[in-house]
Amino acid sequence: MKHSLRTMLWIVLLGPTQLALSQTVAVTYIHTDHLGSPVMGRTQAGATSFEARYEPFGARQRCRGAQAVLVIRAIMKTRRLV
């Protein structure tokens, strides 16, 4: 099981003065199949954040969840670089 840590940082600036700072952190635990393709993501609470299904030669068949395609693309891009 792999995990992904996504941090969003929002800084609102007006000229040289910082008005607001907002930061959110979301941890997603990524479950993979025997080939390493991401098939499910879960939040820290255990809720399913995305699901993906693949055809026999790797083409994505179906993705459910708001962040499914973004997470899958990020993992595939990282895998190519390694």
PDB file of N, CA and C in Angstrom:
ATOM      1  N   MET A   1       0.843  -1.169   0.000  1.00  0.00           N
ATOM      2  CA  MET A   1       0.000   0.000   0.000  1.00  0.00           C
ATOM      3  C   MET A   1       0.892   1.237   0.000  1.00  0.00           C
ATOM      4  N   LYS A   2       0.584   2.162  -0.883  1.00  0.00           N
ATOM      5  CA  LYS A   2       1.325   3.411  -0.967  1.00  0.00           C
ATOM      6  C   LYS A   2       0.442   4.518  -0.419  1.00  0.00           C
ATOM      7  N   HIS A   3       1.034   5.647  -0.139  1.00  0.00           N
ATOM      8  CA  HIS A   3       0.211   6.774   0.268  1.00  0.00           C
ATOM      9  C   HIS A   3       0.686   8.034  -0.436  1.00  0.00           C
ATOM     10  N   SER A   4      -0.238   8.936  -0.596  1.00  0.00           N
ATOM     11  CA  SER A   4       0.029  10.192  -1.269  1.00  0.00           C
ATOM     12  C   SER A   4      -0.322  11.315  -0.310  1.00  0.00           C
ATOM     13  N   LEU A   5       0.535  12.283  -0.200  1.00  0.00           N
ATOM     14  CA  LEU A   5       0.270  13.430   0.662  1.00  0.00           C
ATOM     15  C   LEU A   5       0.156  14.653  -0.230  1.00  0.00           C
ATOM     16  N   ARG A   6      -1.024  15.231  -0.242  1.00  0.00           N
ATOM     17  CA  ARG A   6      -1.260  16.399  -1.077  1.00  0.00           C
ATOM     18  C   ARG A   6      -1.461  17.597  -0.163  1.00  0.00           C
ATOM     19  N   THR A   7      -0.664  18.613  -0.353  1.00  0.00           N
ATOM     20  CA  THR A   7      -0.761  19.813   0.464  1.00  0.00           C
ATOM     21  C   THR A   7      -1.126  20.981  -0.427  1.00  0.00           C
ATOM     22  N   MET A   8      -2.130  21.712  -0.024  1.00  0.00           N
ATOM     23  CA  MET A   8      -2.499  22.925  -0.731  1.00  0.00           C
ATOM     24  C   MET A   8      -2.222  24.104   0.182  1.00  0.00           C
ATOM     25  N   LEU A   9      -1.548  25.092  -0.331  1.00  0.00           N
ATOM     26  CA  LEU A   9      -1.208  26.267   0.454  1.00  0.00           C
ATOM     27  C   LEU A   9      -1.716  27.493  -0.287  1.00  0.00           C
ATOM     28  N   TRP A  10      -2.557  28.243   0.362  1.00  0.00           N
ATOM     29  CA  TRP A  10      -3.110  29.464  -0.224  1.00  0.00           C
ATOM     30  C   TRP A  10      -2.587  30.647   0.572  1.00  0.00           C
ATOM     31  N   ILE A  11      -1.952  31.559  -0.105  1.00  0.00           N
ATOM     32  CA  ILE A  11      -1.483  32.783   0.530  1.00  0.00           C
ATOM     33  C   ILE A  11      -2.117  33.950  -0.217  1.00  0.00           C
ATOM     34  N   VAL A  12      -2.826  34.784   0.502  1.00  0.00           N
ATOM     35  CA  VAL A  12      -3.480  35.940  -0.095  1.00  0.00           C
ATOM     36  C   VAL A  12      -2.625  37.159   0.215  1.00  0.00           C
ATOM     37  N   LEU A  13      -2.158  37.805  -0.835  1.00  0.00           N
ATOM     38  CA  LEU A  13      -1.303  38.973  -0.661  1.00  0.00           C
ATOM     39  C   LEU A  13      -1.982  40.206  -1.240  1.00  0.00           C
ATOM     40  N   LEU A  14      -1.826  41.310  -0.576  1.00  0.00           N
ATOM     41  CA  LEU A  14      -2.279  42.599  -1.076  1.00  0.00           C
ATOM     42  C   LEU A  14      -1.077  43.523  -0.966  1.00  0.00           C
ATOM     43  N   GLY A  15      -0.417  43.723  -2.107  1.00  0.00           N
ATOM     44  CA  GLY A  15       0.828  44.482  -2.053  1.00  0.00           C
ATOM     45  C   GLY A  15       1.842  43.690  -1.253  1.00  0.00           C
ATOM     46  N   PRO A  16       2.604  44.338  -0.387  1.00  0.00           N
ATOM     47  CA  PRO A  16       3.597  43.630   0.406  1.00  0.00           C
ATOM     48  C   PRO A  16       3.040  43.017   1.696  1.00  0.00           C
ATOM     49  N   THR A  17       1.722  43.124   1.913  1.00  0.00           N
ATOM     50  CA  THR A  17       1.119  42.671   3.163  1.00  0.00           C
ATOM     51  C   THR A  17       0.386  41.351   2.967  1.00  0.00           C
ATOM     52  N   GLN A  18       0.644  40.388   3.834  1.00  0.00           N
ATOM     53  CA  GLN A  18      -0.059  39.109   3.792  1.00  0.00           C
ATOM     54  C   GLN A  18      -1.377  39.254   4.537  1.00  0.00           C
ATOM     55  N   LEU A  19      -2.492  38.959   3.854  1.00  0.00           N
ATOM     56  CA  LEU A  19      -3.808  39.084   4.464  1.00  0.00           C
ATOM     57  C   LEU A  19      -4.276  37.794   5.112  1.00  0.00           C
ATOM     58  N   ALA A  20      -4.004  36.668   4.471  1.00  0.00           N
ATOM     59  CA  ALA A  20      -4.524  35.400   4.989  1.00  0.00           C
ATOM     60  C   ALA A  20      -3.612  34.258   4.569  1.00  0.00           C
ATOM     61  N   LEU A  21      -3.667  33.201   5.346  1.00  0.00           N
ATOM     62  CA  LEU A  21      -2.913  31.989   5.050  1.00  0.00           C
ATOM     63  C   LEU A  21      -3.815  30.805   5.362  1.00  0.00           C
ATOM     64  N   SER A  22      -4.012  29.963   4.373  1.00  0.00           N
ATOM     65  CA  SER A  22      -4.858  28.788   4.567  1.00  0.00           C
ATOM     66  C   SER A  22      -4.109  27.578   4.030  1.00  0.00           C
ATOM     67  N   GLN A  23      -4.045  26.522   4.814  1.00  0.00           N
ATOM     68  CA  GLN A  23      -3.339  25.318   4.391  1.00  0.00           C
ATOM     69  C   GLN A  23      -4.177  24.100   4.744  1.00  0.00           C
ATOM     70  N   THR A  24      -4.338  23.203   3.772  1.00  0.00           N
ATOM     71  CA  THR A  24      -5.045  21.952   4.021  1.00  0.00           C
ATOM     72  C   THR A  24      -4.149  20.795   3.599  1.00  0.00           C
ATOM     73  N   VAL A  25      -4.199  19.723   4.336  1.00  0.00           N
ATOM     74  CA  VAL A  25      -3.428  18.525   4.024  1.00  0.00           C
ATOM     75  C   VAL A  25      -4.402  17.360   3.916  1.00  0.00           C
ATOM     76  N   ALA A  26      -4.303  16.621   2.824  1.00  0.00           N
ATOM     77  CA  ALA A  26      -5.156  15.453   2.633  1.00  0.00           C
ATOM     78  C   ALA A  26      -4.267  14.246   2.351  1.00  0.00           C
ATOM     79  N   VAL A  27      -4.403  13.204   3.136  1.00  0.00           N
ATOM     80  CA  VAL A  27      -3.641  11.971   2.937  1.00  0.00           C
ATOM     81  C   VAL A  27      -4.539  10.976   2.223  1.00  0.00           C
ATOM     82  N   THR A  28      -4.030  10.394   1.149  1.00  0.00           N
ATOM     83  CA  THR A  28      -4.764   9.370   0.413  1.00  0.00           C
ATOM     84  C   THR A  28      -3.911   8.106   0.384  1.00  0.00           C
ATOM     85  N   TYR A  29      -4.452   7.009   0.885  1.00  0.00           N
ATOM     86  CA  TYR A  29      -3.767   5.716   0.831  1.00  0.00           C
ATOM     87  C   TYR A  29      -4.155   5.050  -0.480  1.00  0.00           C
ATOM     88  N   ILE A  30      -3.161   4.684  -1.280  1.00  0.00           N
ATOM     89  CA  ILE A  30      -3.408   4.159  -2.617  1.00  0.00           C
ATOM     90  C   ILE A  30      -3.177   2.659  -2.617  1.00  0.00           C
ATOM     91  N   HIS A  31      -4.188   1.908  -3.035  1.00  0.00           N
ATOM     92  CA  HIS A  31      -4.112   0.450  -3.157  1.00  0.00           C
ATOM     93  C   HIS A  31      -3.869   0.126  -4.626  1.00  0.00           C
ATOM     94  N   THR A  32      -2.920  -0.765  -4.883  1.00  0.00           N
ATOM     95  CA  THR A  32      -2.566  -1.111  -6.256  1.00  0.00           C
ATOM     96  C   THR A  32      -2.871  -2.579  -6.535  1.00  0.00           C
ATOM     97  N   ASP A  33      -2.939  -2.902  -7.831  1.00  0.00           N
ATOM     98  CA  ASP A  33      -3.106  -4.306  -8.211  1.00  0.00           C
ATOM     99  C   ASP A  33      -1.723  -4.954  -8.315  1.00  0.00           C
ATOM    100  N   HIS A  34      -1.672  -6.186  -8.817  1.00  0.00           N
ATOM    101  CA  HIS A  34      -0.405  -6.924  -8.881  1.00  0.00           C
ATOM    102  C   HIS A  34       0.603  -6.314  -9.857  1.00  0.00           C
ATOM    103  N   LEU A  35       0.148  -5.428 -10.743  1.00  0.00           N
ATOM    104  CA  LEU A  35       1.046  -4.769 -11.686  1.00  0.00           C
ATOM    105  C   LEU A  35       1.475  -3.376 -11.227  1.00  0.00           C
ATOM    106  N   GLY A  36       0.925  -2.919 -10.106  1.00  0.00           N
ATOM    107  CA  GLY A  36       1.275  -1.603  -9.586  1.00  0.00           C
ATOM    108  C   GLY A  36       0.363  -0.480 -10.026  1.00  0.00           C
ATOM    109  N   SER A  37      -0.691  -0.805 -10.752  1.00  0.00           N
ATOM    110  CA  SER A  37      -1.640   0.224 -11.184  1.00  0.00           C
ATOM    111  C   SER A  37      -2.560   0.585 -10.024  1.00  0.00           C
ATOM    112  N   PRO A  38      -2.804   1.872  -9.791  1.00  0.00           N
ATOM    113  CA  PRO A  38      -3.684   2.275  -8.690  1.00  0.00           C
ATOM    114  C   PRO A  38      -5.127   1.874  -8.967  1.00  0.00           C
ATOM    115  N   VAL A  39      -5.740   1.130  -8.049  1.00  0.00           N
ATOM    116  CA  VAL A  39      -7.118   0.687  -8.234  1.00  0.00           C
ATOM    117  C   VAL A  39      -8.079   1.291  -7.215  1.00  0.00           C
ATOM    118  N   MET A  40      -7.558   1.782  -6.082  1.00  0.00           N
ATOM    119  CA  MET A  40      -8.436   2.368  -5.075  1.00  0.00           C
ATOM    120  C   MET A  40      -7.645   3.329  -4.205  1.00  0.00           C
ATOM    121  N   GLY A  41      -8.301   4.406  -3.812  1.00  0.00           N
ATOM    122  CA  GLY A  41      -7.713   5.353  -2.874  1.00  0.00           C
ATOM    123  C   GLY A  41      -8.632   5.496  -1.676  1.00  0.00           C
ATOM    124  N   ARG A  42      -8.054   5.556  -0.498  1.00  0.00           N
ATOM    125  CA  ARG A  42      -8.845   5.716   0.728  1.00  0.00           C
ATOM    126  C   ARG A  42      -8.311   6.890   1.532  1.00  0.00           C
ATOM    127  N   THR A  43      -9.229   7.577   2.215  1.00  0.00           N
ATOM    128  CA  THR A  43      -8.850   8.677   3.090  1.00  0.00           C
ATOM    129  C   THR A  43      -8.376   8.110   4.419  1.00  0.00           C
ATOM    130  N   GLN A  44      -7.909   8.991   5.305  1.00  0.00           N
ATOM    131  CA  GLN A  44      -7.473   8.542   6.625  1.00  0.00           C
ATOM    132  C   GLN A  44      -8.624   7.935   7.407  1.00  0.00           C
ATOM    133  N   ALA A  45      -9.846   8.379   7.144  1.00  0.00           N
ATOM    134  CA  ALA A  45     -11.017   7.859   7.843  1.00  0.00           C
ATOM    135  C   ALA A  45     -11.472   6.514   7.286  1.00  0.00           C
ATOM    136  N   GLY A  46     -10.905   6.092   6.154  1.00  0.00           N
ATOM    137  CA  GLY A  46     -11.270   4.814   5.565  1.00  0.00           C
ATOM    138  C   GLY A  46     -12.296   4.904   4.452  1.00  0.00           C
ATOM    139  N   ALA A  47     -12.745   6.114   4.135  1.00  0.00           N
ATOM    140  CA  ALA A  47     -13.717   6.286   3.051  1.00  0.00           C
ATOM    141  C   ALA A  47     -13.003   6.161   1.705  1.00  0.00           C
ATOM    142  N   THR A  48     -13.687   5.599   0.731  1.00  0.00           N
ATOM    143  CA  THR A  48     -13.118   5.445  -0.605  1.00  0.00           C
ATOM    144  C   THR A  48     -13.141   6.786  -1.319  1.00  0.00           C
ATOM    145  N   SER A  49     -11.966   7.252  -1.753  1.00  0.00           N
ATOM    146  CA  SER A  49     -11.909   8.531  -2.460  1.00  0.00           C
ATOM    147  C   SER A  49     -11.922   8.345  -3.974  1.00  0.00           C
ATOM    148  N   PHE A  50     -11.413   7.207  -4.462  1.00  0.00           N
ATOM    149  CA  PHE A  50     -11.534   6.908  -5.887  1.00  0.00           C
ATOM    150  C   PHE A  50     -11.385   5.415  -6.111  1.00  0.00           C
ATOM    151  N   GLU A  51     -11.919   4.964  -7.243  1.00  0.00           N
ATOM    152  CA  GLU A  51     -11.776   3.580  -7.697  1.00  0.00           C
ATOM    153  C   GLU A  51     -11.475   3.610  -9.185  1.00  0.00           C
ATOM    154  N   ALA A  52     -10.675   2.677  -9.658  1.00  0.00           N
ATOM    155  CA  ALA A  52     -10.347   2.595 -11.077  1.00  0.00           C
ATOM    156  C   ALA A  52     -10.331   1.133 -11.503  1.00  0.00           C
ATOM    157  N   ARG A  53     -10.761   0.896 -12.718  1.00  0.00           N
ATOM    158  CA  ARG A  53     -10.738  -0.448 -13.304  1.00  0.00           C
ATOM    159  C   ARG A  53      -9.992  -0.353 -14.636  1.00  0.00           C
ATOM    160  N   TYR A  54      -9.306  -1.428 -14.986  1.00  0.00           N
ATOM    161  CA  TYR A  54      -8.474  -1.435 -16.184  1.00  0.00           C
ATOM    162  C   TYR A  54      -8.833  -2.613 -17.080  1.00  0.00           C
ATOM    163  N   GLU A  55      -8.595  -2.422 -18.380  1.00  0.00           N
ATOM    164  CA  GLU A  55      -8.740  -3.510 -19.344  1.00  0.00           C
ATOM    165  C   GLU A  55      -7.488  -4.386 -19.252  1.00  0.00           C
ATOM    166  N   PRO A  56      -7.506  -5.587 -19.860  1.00  0.00           N
ATOM    167  CA  PRO A  56      -6.381  -6.513 -19.714  1.00  0.00           C
ATOM    168  C   PRO A  56      -5.007  -5.948 -20.084  1.00  0.00           C
ATOM    169  N   PHE A  57      -4.927  -5.029 -21.045  1.00  0.00           N
ATOM    170  CA  PHE A  57      -3.622  -4.502 -21.430  1.00  0.00           C
ATOM    171  C   PHE A  57      -3.361  -3.107 -20.876  1.00  0.00           C
ATOM    172  N   GLY A  58      -4.092  -2.701 -19.849  1.00  0.00           N
ATOM    173  CA  GLY A  58      -3.760  -1.493 -19.110  1.00  0.00           C
ATOM    174  C   GLY A  58      -4.558  -0.240 -19.396  1.00  0.00           C
ATOM    175  N   ALA A  59      -5.393  -0.232 -20.423  1.00  0.00           N
ATOM    176  CA  ALA A  59      -6.194   0.964 -20.694  1.00  0.00           C
ATOM    177  C   ALA A  59      -7.225   1.137 -19.581  1.00  0.00           C
ATOM    178  N   ARG A  60      -7.416   2.383 -19.140  1.00  0.00           N
ATOM    179  CA  ARG A  60      -8.406   2.636 -18.089  1.00  0.00           C
ATOM    180  C   ARG A  60      -9.797   2.356 -18.622  1.00  0.00           C
ATOM    181  N   GLN A  61     -10.525   1.552 -17.911  1.00  0.00           N
ATOM    182  CA  GLN A  61     -11.880   1.201 -18.302  1.00  0.00           C
ATOM    183  C   GLN A  61     -12.887   2.123 -17.634  1.00  0.00           C
ATOM    184  N   ARG A  62     -12.678   2.379 -16.337  1.00  0.00           N
ATOM    185  CA  ARG A  62     -13.639   3.191 -15.591  1.00  0.00           C
ATOM    186  C   ARG A  62     -12.943   3.814 -14.389  1.00  0.00           C
ATOM    187  N   CYS A  63     -13.288   5.050 -14.096  1.00  0.00           N
ATOM    188  CA  CYS A  63     -12.777   5.741 -12.908  1.00  0.00           C
ATOM    189  C   CYS A  63     -13.950   6.376 -12.185  1.00  0.00           C
ATOM    190  N   ARG A  64     -14.003   6.179 -10.878  1.00  0.00           N
ATOM    191  CA  ARG A  64     -15.024   6.828 -10.057  1.00  0.00           C
ATOM    192  C   ARG A  64     -14.323   7.628  -8.980  1.00  0.00           C
ATOM    193  N   GLY A  65     -14.820   8.813  -8.742  1.00  0.00           N
ATOM    194  CA  GLY A  65     -14.250   9.663  -7.700  1.00  0.00           C
ATOM    195  C   GLY A  65     -13.714  10.950  -8.281  1.00  0.00           C
ATOM    196  N   ALA A  66     -13.747  11.981  -7.481  1.00  0.00           N
ATOM    197  CA  ALA A  66     -13.371  13.305  -7.952  1.00  0.00           C
ATOM    198  C   ALA A  66     -11.908  13.392  -8.353  1.00  0.00           C
ATOM    199  N   GLN A  67     -11.025  12.746  -7.613  1.00  0.00           N
ATOM    200  CA  GLN A  67      -9.598  12.905  -7.875  1.00  0.00           C
ATOM    201  C   GLN A  67      -8.977  11.712  -8.577  1.00  0.00           C
ATOM    202  N   ALA A  68      -9.770  10.772  -9.037  1.00  0.00           N
ATOM    203  CA  ALA A  68      -9.229   9.526  -9.591  1.00  0.00           C
ATOM    204  C   ALA A  68      -8.250   9.763 -10.727  1.00  0.00           C
ATOM    205  N   VAL A  69      -8.642  10.498 -11.730  1.00  0.00           N
ATOM    206  CA  VAL A  69      -7.793  10.682 -12.902  1.00  0.00           C
ATOM    207  C   VAL A  69      -6.537  11.456 -12.539  1.00  0.00           C
ATOM    208  N   LEU A  70      -6.645  12.459 -11.670  1.00  0.00           N
ATOM    209  CA  LEU A  70      -5.470  13.241 -11.278  1.00  0.00           C
ATOM    210  C   LEU A  70      -4.457  12.391 -10.531  1.00  0.00           C
ATOM    211  N   VAL A  71      -4.922  11.569  -9.612  1.00  0.00           N
ATOM    212  CA  VAL A  71      -4.017  10.705  -8.845  1.00  0.00           C
ATOM    213  C   VAL A  71      -3.367   9.681  -9.757  1.00  0.00           C
ATOM    214  N   ILE A  72      -4.139   9.069 -10.634  1.00  0.00           N
ATOM    215  CA  ILE A  72      -3.600   8.043 -11.531  1.00  0.00           C
ATOM    216  C   ILE A  72      -2.558   8.650 -12.463  1.00  0.00           C
ATOM    217  N   ARG A  73      -2.829   9.822 -13.018  1.00  0.00           N
ATOM    218  CA  ARG A  73      -1.851  10.465 -13.903  1.00  0.00           C
ATOM    219  C   ARG A  73      -0.569  10.801 -13.155  1.00  0.00           C
ATOM    220  N   ALA A  74      -0.682  11.294 -11.928  1.00  0.00           N
ATOM    221  CA  ALA A  74       0.505  11.638 -11.140  1.00  0.00           C
ATOM    222  C   ALA A  74       1.346  10.400 -10.854  1.00  0.00           C
ATOM    223  N   ILE A  75       0.702   9.286 -10.531  1.00  0.00           N
ATOM    224  CA  ILE A  75       1.434   8.051 -10.246  1.00  0.00           C
ATOM    225  C   ILE A  75       2.114   7.537 -11.505  1.00  0.00           C
ATOM    226  N   MET A  76       1.414   7.553 -12.620  1.00  0.00           N
ATOM    227  CA  MET A  76       1.995   7.054 -13.863  1.00  0.00           C
ATOM    228  C   MET A  76       3.173   7.928 -14.291  1.00  0.00           C
ATOM    229  N   LYS A  77       3.069   9.238 -14.110  1.00  0.00           N
ATOM    230  CA  LYS A  77       4.163  10.135 -14.466  1.00  0.00           C
ATOM    231  C   LYS A  77       5.375   9.859 -13.582  1.00  0.00           C
ATOM    232  N   THR A  78       5.161   9.657 -12.289  1.00  0.00           N
ATOM    233  CA  THR A  78       6.248   9.360 -11.362  1.00  0.00           C
ATOM    234  C   THR A  78       6.903   8.033 -11.711  1.00  0.00           C
ATOM    235  N   ARG A  79       6.095   7.061 -12.075  1.00  0.00           N
ATOM    236  CA  ARG A  79       6.624   5.736 -12.399  1.00  0.00           C
ATOM    237  C   ARG A  79       7.524   5.802 -13.628  1.00  0.00           C
ATOM    238  N   ARG A  80       7.202   6.651 -14.601  1.00  0.00           N
ATOM    239  CA  ARG A  80       8.023   6.771 -15.799  1.00  0.00           C
ATOM    240  C   ARG A  80       9.382   7.398 -15.494  1.00  0.00           C
ATOM    241  N   LEU A  81       9.422   8.295 -14.508  1.00  0.00           N
ATOM    242  CA  LEU A  81      10.668   8.980 -14.183  1.00  0.00           C
ATOM    243  C   LEU A  81      11.640   8.091 -13.427  1.00  0.00           C
ATOM    244  N   VAL A  82      11.129   7.074 -12.744  1.00  0.00           N
ATOM    245  CA  VAL A  82      11.994   6.231 -11.911  1.00  0.00           C
ATOM    246  C   VAL A  82      12.667   5.175 -12.751  1.00  0.00           C
TER     247      VAL A  82
END
